[in-house]
Amino acid sequence: MKELIEYIACSLASDPDAVVVTESVEEGRIVLRLEVAAEDKGKVIGRQGRVAQAMRVLLRVAAVKDGTHAVLEIV
């Protein structure tokens, strides 16, 4: 799941080297924190949050396939 978010974010970002995804387990669910360069935040979030919402949907589908719960936070 971490690799999926990393791949999508790197594809969108102007500076793919600045993309960092950290994974942790909190309260029985996987929390992925996505950090990008300041100038790439708008691209990753998208207009009215559409890109971020699409990434969250894809993450949720991947988590259900693994039998877990996952959350994406954009920092």
PDB file of N, CA and C in Angstrom:
ATOM      1  N   MET A   1       0.824  -1.194   0.000  1.00  0.00           N
ATOM      2  CA  MET A   1       0.000   0.000   0.000  1.00  0.00           C
ATOM      3  C   MET A   1       0.867   1.256   0.000  1.00  0.00           C
ATOM      4  N   LYS A   2       1.958   1.197   0.753  1.00  0.00           N
ATOM      5  CA  LYS A   2       2.876   2.328   0.800  1.00  0.00           C
ATOM      6  C   LYS A   2       3.446   2.604  -0.592  1.00  0.00           C
ATOM      7  N   GLU A   3       3.773   1.540  -1.308  1.00  0.00           N
ATOM      8  CA  GLU A   3       4.342   1.675  -2.639  1.00  0.00           C
ATOM      9  C   GLU A   3       3.339   2.291  -3.615  1.00  0.00           C
ATOM     10  N   LEU A   4       2.065   1.954  -3.452  1.00  0.00           N
ATOM     11  CA  LEU A   4       1.019   2.503  -4.310  1.00  0.00           C
ATOM     12  C   LEU A   4       0.931   4.020  -4.161  1.00  0.00           C
ATOM     13  N   ILE A   5       0.883   4.495  -2.925  1.00  0.00           N
ATOM     14  CA  ILE A   5       0.793   5.930  -2.663  1.00  0.00           C
ATOM     15  C   ILE A   5       2.065   6.634  -3.135  1.00  0.00           C
ATOM     16  N   GLU A   6       3.223   6.015  -2.905  1.00  0.00           N
ATOM     17  CA  GLU A   6       4.498   6.580  -3.356  1.00  0.00           C
ATOM     18  C   GLU A   6       4.518   6.728  -4.872  1.00  0.00           C
ATOM     19  N   TYR A   7       4.065   5.713  -5.576  1.00  0.00           N
ATOM     20  CA  TYR A   7       4.064   5.731  -7.038  1.00  0.00           C
ATOM     21  C   TYR A   7       3.161   6.843  -7.570  1.00  0.00           C
ATOM     22  N   ILE A   8       1.955   6.954  -7.024  1.00  0.00           N
ATOM     23  CA  ILE A   8       1.018   7.983  -7.486  1.00  0.00           C
ATOM     24  C   ILE A   8       1.572   9.374  -7.199  1.00  0.00           C
ATOM     25  N   ALA A   9       2.083   9.583  -5.986  1.00  0.00           N
ATOM     26  CA  ALA A   9       2.590  10.902  -5.598  1.00  0.00           C
ATOM     27  C   ALA A   9       3.816  11.288  -6.426  1.00  0.00           C
ATOM     28  N   CYS A  10       4.704  10.347  -6.673  1.00  0.00           N
ATOM     29  CA  CYS A  10       5.896  10.643  -7.477  1.00  0.00           C
ATOM     30  C   CYS A  10       5.521  10.973  -8.914  1.00  0.00           C
ATOM     31  N   SER A  11       4.480  10.332  -9.418  1.00  0.00           N
ATOM     32  CA  SER A  11       4.023  10.614 -10.780  1.00  0.00           C
ATOM     33  C   SER A  11       3.450  12.019 -10.898  1.00  0.00           C
ATOM     34  N   LEU A  12       2.819  12.510  -9.834  1.00  0.00           N
ATOM     35  CA  LEU A  12       2.194  13.826  -9.852  1.00  0.00           C
ATOM     36  C   LEU A  12       3.169  14.955  -9.540  1.00  0.00           C
ATOM     37  N   ALA A  13       4.158  14.692  -8.725  1.00  0.00           N
ATOM     38  CA  ALA A  13       5.027  15.744  -8.199  1.00  0.00           C
ATOM     39  C   ALA A  13       6.077  16.204  -9.209  1.00  0.00           C
ATOM     40  N   SER A  14       6.413  17.491  -9.136  1.00  0.00           N
ATOM     41  CA  SER A  14       7.493  18.041  -9.950  1.00  0.00           C
ATOM     42  C   SER A  14       8.844  17.606  -9.403  1.00  0.00           C
ATOM     43  N   ASP A  15       8.901  17.435  -8.082  1.00  0.00           N
ATOM     44  CA  ASP A  15      10.125  17.023  -7.395  1.00  0.00           C
ATOM     45  C   ASP A  15       9.891  15.669  -6.730  1.00  0.00           C
ATOM     46  N   PRO A  16       9.989  14.562  -7.484  1.00  0.00           N
ATOM     47  CA  PRO A  16       9.687  13.246  -6.906  1.00  0.00           C
ATOM     48  C   PRO A  16      10.646  12.821  -5.796  1.00  0.00           C
ATOM     49  N   ASP A  17      11.827  13.444  -5.729  1.00  0.00           N
ATOM     50  CA  ASP A  17      12.771  13.090  -4.663  1.00  0.00           C
ATOM     51  C   ASP A  17      12.293  13.588  -3.300  1.00  0.00           C
ATOM     52  N   ALA A  18      11.409  14.570  -3.278  1.00  0.00           N
ATOM     53  CA  ALA A  18      10.915  15.127  -2.024  1.00  0.00           C
ATOM     54  C   ALA A  18       9.713  14.363  -1.471  1.00  0.00           C
ATOM     55  N   VAL A  19       9.226  13.367  -2.205  1.00  0.00           N
ATOM     56  CA  VAL A  19       8.072  12.596  -1.759  1.00  0.00           C
ATOM     57  C   VAL A  19       8.519  11.589  -0.700  1.00  0.00           C
ATOM     58  N   VAL A  20       7.868  11.654   0.466  1.00  0.00           N
ATOM     59  CA  VAL A  20       8.170  10.733   1.560  1.00  0.00           C
ATOM     60  C   VAL A  20       6.864  10.174   2.091  1.00  0.00           C
ATOM     61  N   VAL A  21       6.769   8.847   2.164  1.00  0.00           N
ATOM     62  CA  VAL A  21       5.587   8.198   2.711  1.00  0.00           C
ATOM     63  C   VAL A  21       6.032   7.391   3.924  1.00  0.00           C
ATOM     64  N   THR A  22       5.428   7.688   5.079  1.00  0.00           N
ATOM     65  CA  THR A  22       5.728   6.929   6.289  1.00  0.00           C
ATOM     66  C   THR A  22       4.495   6.136   6.679  1.00  0.00           C
ATOM     67  N   GLU A  23       4.729   4.955   7.182  1.00  0.00           N
ATOM     68  CA  GLU A  23       3.643   4.044   7.531  1.00  0.00           C
ATOM     69  C   GLU A  23       3.723   3.721   9.016  1.00  0.00           C
ATOM     70  N   SER A  24       2.584   3.807   9.700  1.00  0.00           N
ATOM     71  CA  SER A  24       2.533   3.439  11.116  1.00  0.00           C
ATOM     72  C   SER A  24       1.195   2.791  11.403  1.00  0.00           C
ATOM     73  N   VAL A  25       1.128   2.076  12.515  1.00  0.00           N
ATOM     74  CA  VAL A  25      -0.111   1.417  12.927  1.00  0.00           C
ATOM     75  C   VAL A  25      -0.622   2.126  14.171  1.00  0.00           C
ATOM     76  N   GLU A  26      -1.835   2.649  14.079  1.00  0.00           N
ATOM     77  CA  GLU A  26      -2.466   3.347  15.195  1.00  0.00           C
ATOM     78  C   GLU A  26      -3.885   2.842  15.359  1.00  0.00           C
ATOM     79  N   GLU A  27      -4.223   2.413  16.552  1.00  0.00           N
ATOM     80  CA  GLU A  27      -5.573   1.956  16.887  1.00  0.00           C
ATOM     81  C   GLU A  27      -6.064   0.870  15.935  1.00  0.00           C
ATOM     82  N   GLY A  28      -5.183  -0.044  15.557  1.00  0.00           N
ATOM     83  CA  GLY A  28      -5.563  -1.165  14.720  1.00  0.00           C
ATOM     84  C   GLY A  28      -5.733  -0.853  13.251  1.00  0.00           C
ATOM     85  N   ARG A  29      -5.295   0.312  12.804  1.00  0.00           N
ATOM     86  CA  ARG A  29      -5.376   0.641  11.387  1.00  0.00           C
ATOM     87  C   ARG A  29      -4.043   1.194  10.915  1.00  0.00           C
ATOM     88  N   ILE A  30      -3.811   1.086   9.632  1.00  0.00           N
ATOM     89  CA  ILE A  30      -2.567   1.568   9.037  1.00  0.00           C
ATOM     90  C   ILE A  30      -2.751   3.031   8.661  1.00  0.00           C
ATOM     91  N   VAL A  31      -1.827   3.864   9.111  1.00  0.00           N
ATOM     92  CA  VAL A  31      -1.864   5.287   8.798  1.00  0.00           C
ATOM     93  C   VAL A  31      -0.666   5.608   7.908  1.00  0.00           C
ATOM     94  N   LEU A  32      -0.945   6.091   6.709  1.00  0.00           N
ATOM     95  CA  LEU A  32       0.105   6.492   5.779  1.00  0.00           C
ATOM     96  C   LEU A  32       0.152   8.009   5.753  1.00  0.00           C
ATOM     97  N   ARG A  33       1.329   8.577   6.016  1.00  0.00           N
ATOM     98  CA  ARG A  33       1.510  10.029   5.985  1.00  0.00           C
ATOM     99  C   ARG A  33       2.336  10.380   4.758  1.00  0.00           C
ATOM    100  N   LEU A  34       1.768  11.206   3.910  1.00  0.00           N
ATOM    101  CA  LEU A  34       2.416  11.604   2.662  1.00  0.00           C
ATOM    102  C   LEU A  34       2.945  13.018   2.811  1.00  0.00           C
ATOM    103  N   GLU A  35       4.242  13.172   2.597  1.00  0.00           N
ATOM    104  CA  GLU A  35       4.870  14.490   2.630  1.00  0.00           C
ATOM    105  C   GLU A  35       5.445  14.776   1.251  1.00  0.00           C
ATOM    106  N   VAL A  36       5.129  15.966   0.747  1.00  0.00           N
ATOM    107  CA  VAL A  36       5.656  16.401  -0.554  1.00  0.00           C
ATOM    108  C   VAL A  36       6.208  17.805  -0.404  1.00  0.00           C
ATOM    109  N   ALA A  37       6.925  18.256  -1.420  1.00  0.00           N
ATOM    110  CA  ALA A  37       7.449  19.630  -1.418  1.00  0.00           C
ATOM    111  C   ALA A  37       6.277  20.609  -1.410  1.00  0.00           C
ATOM    112  N   ALA A  38       6.507  21.787  -0.872  1.00  0.00           N
ATOM    113  CA  ALA A  38       5.443  22.787  -0.730  1.00  0.00           C
ATOM    114  C   ALA A  38       4.799  23.137  -2.063  1.00  0.00           C
ATOM    115  N   GLU A  39       5.612  23.221  -3.119  1.00  0.00           N
ATOM    116  CA  GLU A  39       5.041  23.593  -4.422  1.00  0.00           C
ATOM    117  C   GLU A  39       4.241  22.458  -5.066  1.00  0.00           C
ATOM    118  N   ASP A  40       4.371  21.238  -4.558  1.00  0.00           N
ATOM    119  CA  ASP A  40       3.641  20.095  -5.111  1.00  0.00           C
ATOM    120  C   ASP A  40       2.370  19.752  -4.348  1.00  0.00           C
ATOM    121  N   LYS A  41       2.132  20.397  -3.223  1.00  0.00           N
ATOM    122  CA  LYS A  41       0.947  20.065  -2.432  1.00  0.00           C
ATOM    123  C   LYS A  41      -0.340  20.268  -3.210  1.00  0.00           C
ATOM    124  N   GLY A  42      -0.408  21.338  -3.986  1.00  0.00           N
ATOM    125  CA  GLY A  42      -1.607  21.602  -4.772  1.00  0.00           C
ATOM    126  C   GLY A  42      -1.872  20.527  -5.805  1.00  0.00           C
ATOM    127  N   LYS A  43      -0.810  20.011  -6.416  1.00  0.00           N
ATOM    128  CA  LYS A  43      -0.963  18.953  -7.412  1.00  0.00           C
ATOM    129  C   LYS A  43      -1.446  17.663  -6.767  1.00  0.00           C
ATOM    130  N   VAL A  44      -0.921  17.361  -5.590  1.00  0.00           N
ATOM    131  CA  VAL A  44      -1.275  16.115  -4.918  1.00  0.00           C
ATOM    132  C   VAL A  44      -2.702  16.185  -4.366  1.00  0.00           C
ATOM    133  N   ILE A  45      -3.111  17.346  -3.884  1.00  0.00           N
ATOM    134  CA  ILE A  45      -4.460  17.482  -3.342  1.00  0.00           C
ATOM    135  C   ILE A  45      -5.472  17.623  -4.478  1.00  0.00           C
ATOM    136  N   GLY A  46      -5.146  18.390  -5.498  1.00  0.00           N
ATOM    137  CA  GLY A  46      -6.027  18.549  -6.645  1.00  0.00           C
ATOM    138  C   GLY A  46      -7.125  19.567  -6.388  1.00  0.00           C
ATOM    139  N   ARG A  47      -7.867  19.883  -7.435  1.00  0.00           N
ATOM    140  CA  ARG A  47      -8.957  20.845  -7.303  1.00  0.00           C
ATOM    141  C   ARG A  47     -10.058  20.256  -6.444  1.00  0.00           C
ATOM    142  N   GLN A  48     -10.413  20.994  -5.420  1.00  0.00           N
ATOM    143  CA  GLN A  48     -11.435  20.605  -4.452  1.00  0.00           C
ATOM    144  C   GLN A  48     -11.140  19.236  -3.841  1.00  0.00           C
ATOM    145  N   GLY A  49      -9.863  18.848  -3.817  1.00  0.00           N
ATOM    146  CA  GLY A  49      -9.448  17.616  -3.162  1.00  0.00           C
ATOM    147  C   GLY A  49      -9.752  16.349  -3.939  1.00  0.00           C
ATOM    148  N   ARG A  50      -9.991  16.487  -5.226  1.00  0.00           N
ATOM    149  CA  ARG A  50     -10.381  15.317  -6.024  1.00  0.00           C
ATOM    150  C   ARG A  50      -9.262  14.287  -6.143  1.00  0.00           C
ATOM    151  N   VAL A  51      -8.039  14.735  -6.346  1.00  0.00           N
ATOM    152  CA  VAL A  51      -6.908  13.801  -6.495  1.00  0.00           C
ATOM    153  C   VAL A  51      -6.651  13.092  -5.167  1.00  0.00           C
ATOM    154  N   ALA A  52      -6.673  13.848  -4.081  1.00  0.00           N
ATOM    155  CA  ALA A  52      -6.458  13.250  -2.759  1.00  0.00           C
ATOM    156  C   ALA A  52      -7.562  12.243  -2.447  1.00  0.00           C
ATOM    157  N   GLN A  53      -8.790  12.569  -2.792  1.00  0.00           N
ATOM    158  CA  GLN A  53      -9.898  11.660  -2.537  1.00  0.00           C
ATOM    159  C   GLN A  53      -9.761  10.385  -3.367  1.00  0.00           C
ATOM    160  N   ALA A  54      -9.314  10.519  -4.602  1.00  0.00           N
ATOM    161  CA  ALA A  54      -9.100   9.343  -5.449  1.00  0.00           C
ATOM    162  C   ALA A  54      -7.994   8.455  -4.885  1.00  0.00           C
ATOM    163  N   MET A  55      -6.936   9.072  -4.368  1.00  0.00           N
ATOM    164  CA  MET A  55      -5.853   8.298  -3.753  1.00  0.00           C
ATOM    165  C   MET A  55      -6.368   7.553  -2.522  1.00  0.00           C
ATOM    166  N   ARG A  56      -7.225   8.207  -1.745  1.00  0.00           N
ATOM    167  CA  ARG A  56      -7.789   7.562  -0.556  1.00  0.00           C
ATOM    168  C   ARG A  56      -8.689   6.387  -0.934  1.00  0.00           C
ATOM    169  N   VAL A  57      -9.445   6.527  -2.010  1.00  0.00           N
ATOM    170  CA  VAL A  57     -10.306   5.434  -2.463  1.00  0.00           C
ATOM    171  C   VAL A  57      -9.465   4.239  -2.901  1.00  0.00           C
ATOM    172  N   LEU A  58      -8.412   4.490  -3.675  1.00  0.00           N
ATOM    173  CA  LEU A  58      -7.530   3.406  -4.103  1.00  0.00           C
ATOM    174  C   LEU A  58      -6.860   2.732  -2.907  1.00  0.00           C
ATOM    175  N   LEU A  59      -6.462   3.522  -1.935  1.00  0.00           N
ATOM    176  CA  LEU A  59      -5.847   2.969  -0.727  1.00  0.00           C
ATOM    177  C   LEU A  59      -6.845   2.106   0.038  1.00  0.00           C
ATOM    178  N   ARG A  60      -8.073   2.584   0.136  1.00  0.00           N
ATOM    179  CA  ARG A  60      -9.110   1.831   0.846  1.00  0.00           C
ATOM    180  C   ARG A  60      -9.373   0.489   0.165  1.00  0.00           C
ATOM    181  N   VAL A  61      -9.405   0.482  -1.167  1.00  0.00           N
ATOM    182  CA  VAL A  61      -9.616  -0.759  -1.917  1.00  0.00           C
ATOM    183  C   VAL A  61      -8.465  -1.731  -1.670  1.00  0.00           C
ATOM    184  N   ALA A  62      -7.235  -1.232  -1.703  1.00  0.00           N
ATOM    185  CA  ALA A  62      -6.068  -2.091  -1.452  1.00  0.00           C
ATOM    186  C   ALA A  62      -6.092  -2.632  -0.024  1.00  0.00           C
ATOM    187  N   ALA A  63      -6.539  -1.816   0.919  1.00  0.00           N
ATOM    188  CA  ALA A  63      -6.595  -2.259   2.316  1.00  0.00           C
ATOM    189  C   ALA A  63      -7.657  -3.330   2.507  1.00  0.00           C
ATOM    190  N   VAL A  64      -8.796  -3.180   1.863  1.00  0.00           N
ATOM    191  CA  VAL A  64      -9.858  -4.184   1.975  1.00  0.00           C
ATOM    192  C   VAL A  64      -9.394  -5.514   1.408  1.00  0.00           C
ATOM    193  N   LYS A  65      -8.631  -5.470   0.319  1.00  0.00           N
ATOM    194  CA  LYS A  65      -8.090  -6.705  -0.261  1.00  0.00           C
ATOM    195  C   LYS A  65      -7.170  -7.420   0.722  1.00  0.00           C
ATOM    196  N   ASP A  66      -6.427  -6.629   1.531  1.00  0.00           N
ATOM    197  CA  ASP A  66      -5.535  -7.211   2.533  1.00  0.00           C
ATOM    198  C   ASP A  66      -6.250  -7.526   3.843  1.00  0.00           C
ATOM    199  N   GLY A  67      -7.503  -7.111   3.954  1.00  0.00           N
ATOM    200  CA  GLY A  67      -8.263  -7.364   5.178  1.00  0.00           C
ATOM    201  C   GLY A  67      -7.910  -6.412   6.303  1.00  0.00           C
ATOM    202  N   THR A  68      -7.472  -5.204   5.983  1.00  0.00           N
ATOM    203  CA  THR A  68      -7.119  -4.215   6.996  1.00  0.00           C
ATOM    204  C   THR A  68      -7.845  -2.904   6.717  1.00  0.00           C
ATOM    205  N   HIS A  69      -7.591  -1.921   7.563  1.00  0.00           N
ATOM    206  CA  HIS A  69      -8.114  -0.570   7.368  1.00  0.00           C
ATOM    207  C   HIS A  69      -6.909   0.358   7.197  1.00  0.00           C
ATOM    208  N   ALA A  70      -7.027   1.301   6.270  1.00  0.00           N
ATOM    209  CA  ALA A  70      -5.926   2.222   6.020  1.00  0.00           C
ATOM    210  C   ALA A  70      -6.446   3.636   5.852  1.00  0.00           C
ATOM    211  N   VAL A  71      -5.633   4.605   6.287  1.00  0.00           N
ATOM    212  CA  VAL A  71      -5.982   6.022   6.224  1.00  0.00           C
ATOM    213  C   VAL A  71      -4.798   6.759   5.608  1.00  0.00           C
ATOM    214  N   LEU A  72      -5.091   7.756   4.759  1.00  0.00           N
ATOM    215  CA  LEU A  72      -4.050   8.577   4.149  1.00  0.00           C
ATOM    216  C   LEU A  72      -4.128   9.975   4.712  1.00  0.00           C
ATOM    217  N   GLU A  73      -3.006  10.458   5.220  1.00  0.00           N
ATOM    218  CA  GLU A  73      -2.899  11.843   5.698  1.00  0.00           C
ATOM    219  C   GLU A  73      -1.862  12.551   4.840  1.00  0.00           C
ATOM    220  N   ILE A  74      -2.220  13.709   4.318  1.00  0.00           N
ATOM    221  CA  ILE A  74      -1.286  14.518   3.534  1.00  0.00           C
ATOM    222  C   ILE A  74      -0.757  15.618   4.431  1.00  0.00           C
ATOM    223  N   VAL A  75       0.542  15.579   4.679  1.00  0.00           N
ATOM    224  CA  VAL A  75       1.158  16.522   5.621  1.00  0.00           C
ATOM    225  C   VAL A  75       1.864  17.619   4.853  1.00  0.00           C
TER     226      VAL A  75
END
